[in-house]
Structure formats: structure tokens, C-alpha cells
Amino acid sequence: MSKRLCDAGVDGLVLFNRFYQPDFEISELRVLPNLDLSVPAEIRPPLLWIAVL
């Protein structure tokens, strides 16, 4: 996919290791302010795949 994007003229790719997944309180129709941050152990797989790319 990245090769096809480069061939199409893309100037850069943005890579990230997590999607922000907010919690919702359905009964009150509001977003809960719970944010779980990454821990150092989570960096290895994304770095591996970025290196492979």
C-alpha cells in the first residue's frame, strides 16, 4: 500500500500506534473523560512495522 501511495505522488505518510477510543455515557449522551495513555511496552510493535515499511 505504501509503495502504491508513493507511486501516486504522496509526499508523506502518518503512522500511529493507537486509536483514541473515548467512552460514552449513552443514557446521558455525553463523552466520559477517561483517557488511558500508552505505556513504554507498547512502542515495540509499531517501531518494528515502521522499520519494515
PDB file of N, CA and C in Angstrom:
ATOM      1  N   MET A   1       0.817  -1.180   0.000  1.00  0.00           N
ATOM      2  CA  MET A   1       0.000   0.000   0.000  1.00  0.00           C
ATOM      3  C   MET A   1       0.869   1.255   0.000  1.00  0.00           C
ATOM      4  N   SER A   2       1.905   1.273   0.830  1.00  0.00           N
ATOM      5  CA  SER A   2       2.762   2.461   0.874  1.00  0.00           C
ATOM      6  C   SER A   2       3.484   2.667  -0.458  1.00  0.00           C
ATOM      7  N   LYS A   3       3.877   1.595  -1.112  1.00  0.00           N
ATOM      8  CA  LYS A   3       4.520   1.699  -2.423  1.00  0.00           C
ATOM      9  C   LYS A   3       3.565   2.306  -3.442  1.00  0.00           C
ATOM     10  N   ARG A   4       2.317   1.872  -3.416  1.00  0.00           N
ATOM     11  CA  ARG A   4       1.319   2.406  -4.341  1.00  0.00           C
ATOM     12  C   ARG A   4       1.075   3.888  -4.065  1.00  0.00           C
ATOM     13  N   LEU A   5       1.053   4.273  -2.808  1.00  0.00           N
ATOM     14  CA  LEU A   5       0.865   5.682  -2.469  1.00  0.00           C
ATOM     15  C   LEU A   5       2.041   6.518  -2.957  1.00  0.00           C
ATOM     16  N   CYS A   6       3.256   6.017  -2.743  1.00  0.00           N
ATOM     17  CA  CYS A   6       4.448   6.740  -3.224  1.00  0.00           C
ATOM     18  C   CYS A   6       4.432   6.878  -4.743  1.00  0.00           C
ATOM     19  N   ASP A   7       4.060   5.808  -5.425  1.00  0.00           N
ATOM     20  CA  ASP A   7       3.979   5.848  -6.888  1.00  0.00           C
ATOM     21  C   ASP A   7       2.926   6.845  -7.367  1.00  0.00           C
ATOM     22  N   ALA A   8       1.902   7.067  -6.543  1.00  0.00           N
ATOM     23  CA  ALA A   8       0.831   8.009  -6.900  1.00  0.00           C
ATOM     24  C   ALA A   8       1.207   9.451  -6.587  1.00  0.00           C
ATOM     25  N   GLY A   9       2.375   9.658  -5.950  1.00  0.00           N
ATOM     26  CA  GLY A   9       2.836  11.015  -5.701  1.00  0.00           C
ATOM     27  C   GLY A   9       2.627  11.539  -4.293  1.00  0.00           C
ATOM     28  N   VAL A  10       2.293  10.662  -3.360  1.00  0.00           N
ATOM     29  CA  VAL A  10       2.102  11.091  -1.969  1.00  0.00           C
ATOM     30  C   VAL A  10       3.443  11.566  -1.411  1.00  0.00           C
ATOM     31  N   ASP A  11       3.422  12.688  -0.694  1.00  0.00           N
ATOM     32  CA  ASP A  11       4.651  13.246  -0.122  1.00  0.00           C
ATOM     33  C   ASP A  11       4.990  12.682   1.250  1.00  0.00           C
ATOM     34  N   GLY A  12       4.038  12.045   1.931  1.00  0.00           N
ATOM     35  CA  GLY A  12       4.332  11.513   3.260  1.00  0.00           C
ATOM     36  C   GLY A  12       3.195  10.646   3.781  1.00  0.00           C
ATOM     37  N   LEU A  13       3.508   9.865   4.791  1.00  0.00           N
ATOM     38  CA  LEU A  13       2.530   9.014   5.470  1.00  0.00           C
ATOM     39  C   LEU A  13       2.570   9.332   6.958  1.00  0.00           C
ATOM     40  N   VAL A  14       1.422   9.304   7.589  1.00  0.00           N
ATOM     41  CA  VAL A  14       1.354   9.475   9.044  1.00  0.00           C
ATOM     42  C   VAL A  14       1.044   8.118   9.647  1.00  0.00           C
ATOM     43  N   LEU A  15       1.929   7.654  10.512  1.00  0.00           N
ATOM     44  CA  LEU A  15       1.764   6.349  11.152  1.00  0.00           C
ATOM     45  C   LEU A  15       1.582   6.559  12.649  1.00  0.00           C
ATOM     46  N   PHE A  16       0.681   5.807  13.242  1.00  0.00           N
ATOM     47  CA  PHE A  16       0.442   5.923  14.672  1.00  0.00           C
ATOM     48  C   PHE A  16       0.114   4.552  15.222  1.00  0.00           C
ATOM     49  N   ASN A  17       0.231   4.411  16.543  1.00  0.00           N
ATOM     50  CA  ASN A  17       0.095   3.077  17.123  1.00  0.00           C
ATOM     51  C   ASN A  17      -1.223   2.830  17.846  1.00  0.00           C
ATOM     52  N   ARG A  18      -2.044   3.857  18.033  1.00  0.00           N
ATOM     53  CA  ARG A  18      -3.307   3.644  18.741  1.00  0.00           C
ATOM     54  C   ARG A  18      -4.381   4.601  18.240  1.00  0.00           C
ATOM     55  N   PHE A  19      -5.601   4.123  18.258  1.00  0.00           N
ATOM     56  CA  PHE A  19      -6.740   4.990  18.009  1.00  0.00           C
ATOM     57  C   PHE A  19      -7.240   5.495  19.353  1.00  0.00           C
ATOM     58  N   TYR A  20      -7.628   6.752  19.391  1.00  0.00           N
ATOM     59  CA  TYR A  20      -8.260   7.275  20.596  1.00  0.00           C
ATOM     60  C   TYR A  20      -9.665   6.704  20.651  1.00  0.00           C
ATOM     61  N   GLN A  21     -10.003   6.017  21.741  1.00  0.00           N
ATOM     62  CA  GLN A  21     -11.295   5.374  21.876  1.00  0.00           C
ATOM     63  C   GLN A  21     -11.995   5.912  23.126  1.00  0.00           C
ATOM     64  N   PRO A  22     -12.754   6.993  22.978  1.00  0.00           N
ATOM     65  CA  PRO A  22     -13.428   7.567  24.141  1.00  0.00           C
ATOM     66  C   PRO A  22     -14.580   6.686  24.616  1.00  0.00           C
ATOM     67  N   ASP A  23     -14.932   6.831  25.875  1.00  0.00           N
ATOM     68  CA  ASP A  23     -16.095   6.151  26.441  1.00  0.00           C
ATOM     69  C   ASP A  23     -17.292   7.083  26.346  1.00  0.00           C
ATOM     70  N   PHE A  24     -18.454   6.501  26.126  1.00  0.00           N
ATOM     71  CA  PHE A  24     -19.680   7.290  26.023  1.00  0.00           C
ATOM     72  C   PHE A  24     -20.662   6.858  27.099  1.00  0.00           C
ATOM     73  N   GLU A  25     -21.323   7.818  27.686  1.00  0.00           N
ATOM     74  CA  GLU A  25     -22.416   7.564  28.621  1.00  0.00           C
ATOM     75  C   GLU A  25     -23.688   7.717  27.800  1.00  0.00           C
ATOM     76  N   ILE A  26     -24.235   6.585  27.351  1.00  0.00           N
ATOM     77  CA  ILE A  26     -25.364   6.599  26.430  1.00  0.00           C
ATOM     78  C   ILE A  26     -26.604   7.206  27.082  1.00  0.00           C
ATOM     79  N   SER A  27     -26.851   6.867  28.339  1.00  0.00           N
ATOM     80  CA  SER A  27     -28.075   7.365  28.984  1.00  0.00           C
ATOM     81  C   SER A  27     -28.078   8.887  29.144  1.00  0.00           C
ATOM     82  N   GLU A  28     -26.878   9.494  29.238  1.00  0.00           N
ATOM     83  CA  GLU A  28     -26.783  10.952  29.398  1.00  0.00           C
ATOM     84  C   GLU A  28     -26.280  11.649  28.127  1.00  0.00           C
ATOM     85  N   LEU A  29     -25.990  10.863  27.088  1.00  0.00           N
ATOM     86  CA  LEU A  29     -25.496  11.392  25.813  1.00  0.00           C
ATOM     87  C   LEU A  29     -24.295  12.313  25.991  1.00  0.00           C
ATOM     88  N   ARG A  30     -23.261  11.792  26.663  1.00  0.00           N
ATOM     89  CA  ARG A  30     -22.052  12.583  26.863  1.00  0.00           C
ATOM     90  C   ARG A  30     -20.820  11.695  26.757  1.00  0.00           C
ATOM     91  N   VAL A  31     -19.704  12.326  26.492  1.00  0.00           N
ATOM     92  CA  VAL A  31     -18.415  11.630  26.409  1.00  0.00           C
ATOM     93  C   VAL A  31     -17.789  11.634  27.800  1.00  0.00           C
ATOM     94  N   LEU A  32     -17.309  10.482  28.252  1.00  0.00           N
ATOM     95  CA  LEU A  32     -16.647  10.387  29.551  1.00  0.00           C
ATOM     96  C   LEU A  32     -15.175  10.748  29.401  1.00  0.00           C
ATOM     97  N   PRO A  33     -14.642  11.536  30.316  1.00  0.00           N
ATOM     98  CA  PRO A  33     -13.247  11.987  30.196  1.00  0.00           C
ATOM     99  C   PRO A  33     -12.228  10.955  30.690  1.00  0.00           C
ATOM    100  N   ASN A  34     -12.343   9.718  30.233  1.00  0.00           N
ATOM    101  CA  ASN A  34     -11.387   8.663  30.603  1.00  0.00           C
ATOM    102  C   ASN A  34     -10.361   8.528  29.488  1.00  0.00           C
ATOM    103  N   LEU A  35      -9.108   8.728  29.817  1.00  0.00           N
ATOM    104  CA  LEU A  35      -8.058   8.638  28.809  1.00  0.00           C
ATOM    105  C   LEU A  35      -6.956   7.735  29.334  1.00  0.00           C
ATOM    106  N   ASP A  36      -6.793   6.566  28.705  1.00  0.00           N
ATOM    107  CA  ASP A  36      -5.717   5.649  29.057  1.00  0.00           C
ATOM    108  C   ASP A  36      -4.542   5.920  28.136  1.00  0.00           C
ATOM    109  N   LEU A  37      -3.438   6.360  28.705  1.00  0.00           N
ATOM    110  CA  LEU A  37      -2.256   6.669  27.910  1.00  0.00           C
ATOM    111  C   LEU A  37      -1.447   5.405  27.628  1.00  0.00           C
ATOM    112  N   SER A  38      -0.605   5.482  26.647  1.00  0.00           N
ATOM    113  CA  SER A  38       0.268   4.363  26.298  1.00  0.00           C
ATOM    114  C   SER A  38       1.286   4.119  27.403  1.00  0.00           C
ATOM    115  N   VAL A  39       1.784   2.899  27.440  1.00  0.00           N
ATOM    116  CA  VAL A  39       2.874   2.538  28.346  1.00  0.00           C
ATOM    117  C   VAL A  39       4.095   2.223  27.485  1.00  0.00           C
ATOM    118  N   PRO A  40       5.302   2.350  28.025  1.00  0.00           N
ATOM    119  CA  PRO A  40       6.509   2.128  27.215  1.00  0.00           C
ATOM    120  C   PRO A  40       6.546   0.784  26.483  1.00  0.00           C
ATOM    121  N   ALA A  41       5.946  -0.249  27.050  1.00  0.00           N
ATOM    122  CA  ALA A  41       5.987  -1.567  26.416  1.00  0.00           C
ATOM    123  C   ALA A  41       5.214  -1.619  25.102  1.00  0.00           C
ATOM    124  N   GLU A  42       4.348  -0.660  24.845  1.00  0.00           N
ATOM    125  CA  GLU A  42       3.536  -0.678  23.626  1.00  0.00           C
ATOM    126  C   GLU A  42       4.266  -0.141  22.403  1.00  0.00           C
ATOM    127  N   ILE A  43       5.455   0.397  22.562  1.00  0.00           N
ATOM    128  CA  ILE A  43       6.144   1.037  21.439  1.00  0.00           C
ATOM    129  C   ILE A  43       6.824   0.036  20.491  1.00  0.00           C
ATOM    130  N   ARG A  44       7.197  -1.120  20.994  1.00  0.00           N
ATOM    131  CA  ARG A  44       7.976  -2.051  20.176  1.00  0.00           C
ATOM    132  C   ARG A  44       7.285  -2.501  18.889  1.00  0.00           C
ATOM    133  N   PRO A  45       6.048  -3.008  18.913  1.00  0.00           N
ATOM    134  CA  PRO A  45       5.413  -3.435  17.654  1.00  0.00           C
ATOM    135  C   PRO A  45       5.274  -2.299  16.625  1.00  0.00           C
ATOM    136  N   PRO A  46       4.836  -1.105  17.002  1.00  0.00           N
ATOM    137  CA  PRO A  46       4.769  -0.039  15.984  1.00  0.00           C
ATOM    138  C   PRO A  46       6.137   0.304  15.393  1.00  0.00           C
ATOM    139  N   LEU A  47       7.167   0.335  16.219  1.00  0.00           N
ATOM    140  CA  LEU A  47       8.509   0.628  15.697  1.00  0.00           C
ATOM    141  C   LEU A  47       8.973  -0.466  14.732  1.00  0.00           C
ATOM    142  N   LEU A  48       8.654  -1.692  15.038  1.00  0.00           N
ATOM    143  CA  LEU A  48       9.007  -2.803  14.152  1.00  0.00           C
ATOM    144  C   LEU A  48       8.370  -2.607  12.780  1.00  0.00           C
ATOM    145  N   TRP A  49       7.065  -2.318  12.748  1.00  0.00           N
ATOM    146  CA  TRP A  49       6.366  -2.188  11.476  1.00  0.00           C
ATOM    147  C   TRP A  49       6.778  -0.937  10.722  1.00  0.00           C
ATOM    148  N   ILE A  50       7.139   0.128  11.427  1.00  0.00           N
ATOM    149  CA  ILE A  50       7.645   1.313  10.752  1.00  0.00           C
ATOM    150  C   ILE A  50       8.992   0.997  10.108  1.00  0.00           C
ATOM    151  N   ALA A  51       9.835   0.238  10.812  1.00  0.00           N
ATOM    152  CA  ALA A  51      11.128  -0.156  10.246  1.00  0.00           C
ATOM    153  C   ALA A  51      10.936  -1.060   9.020  1.00  0.00           C
ATOM    154  N   VAL A  52       9.986  -1.965   9.082  1.00  0.00           N
ATOM    155  CA  VAL A  52       9.723  -2.851   7.937  1.00  0.00           C
ATOM    156  C   VAL A  52       9.232  -2.031   6.742  1.00  0.00           C
ATOM    157  N   LEU A  53       8.415  -1.044   7.024  1.00  0.00           N
ATOM    158  CA  LEU A  53       7.887  -0.203   5.942  1.00  0.00           C
ATOM    159  C   LEU A  53       9.005   0.548   5.264  1.00  0.00           C
TER     160      LEU A  53
END
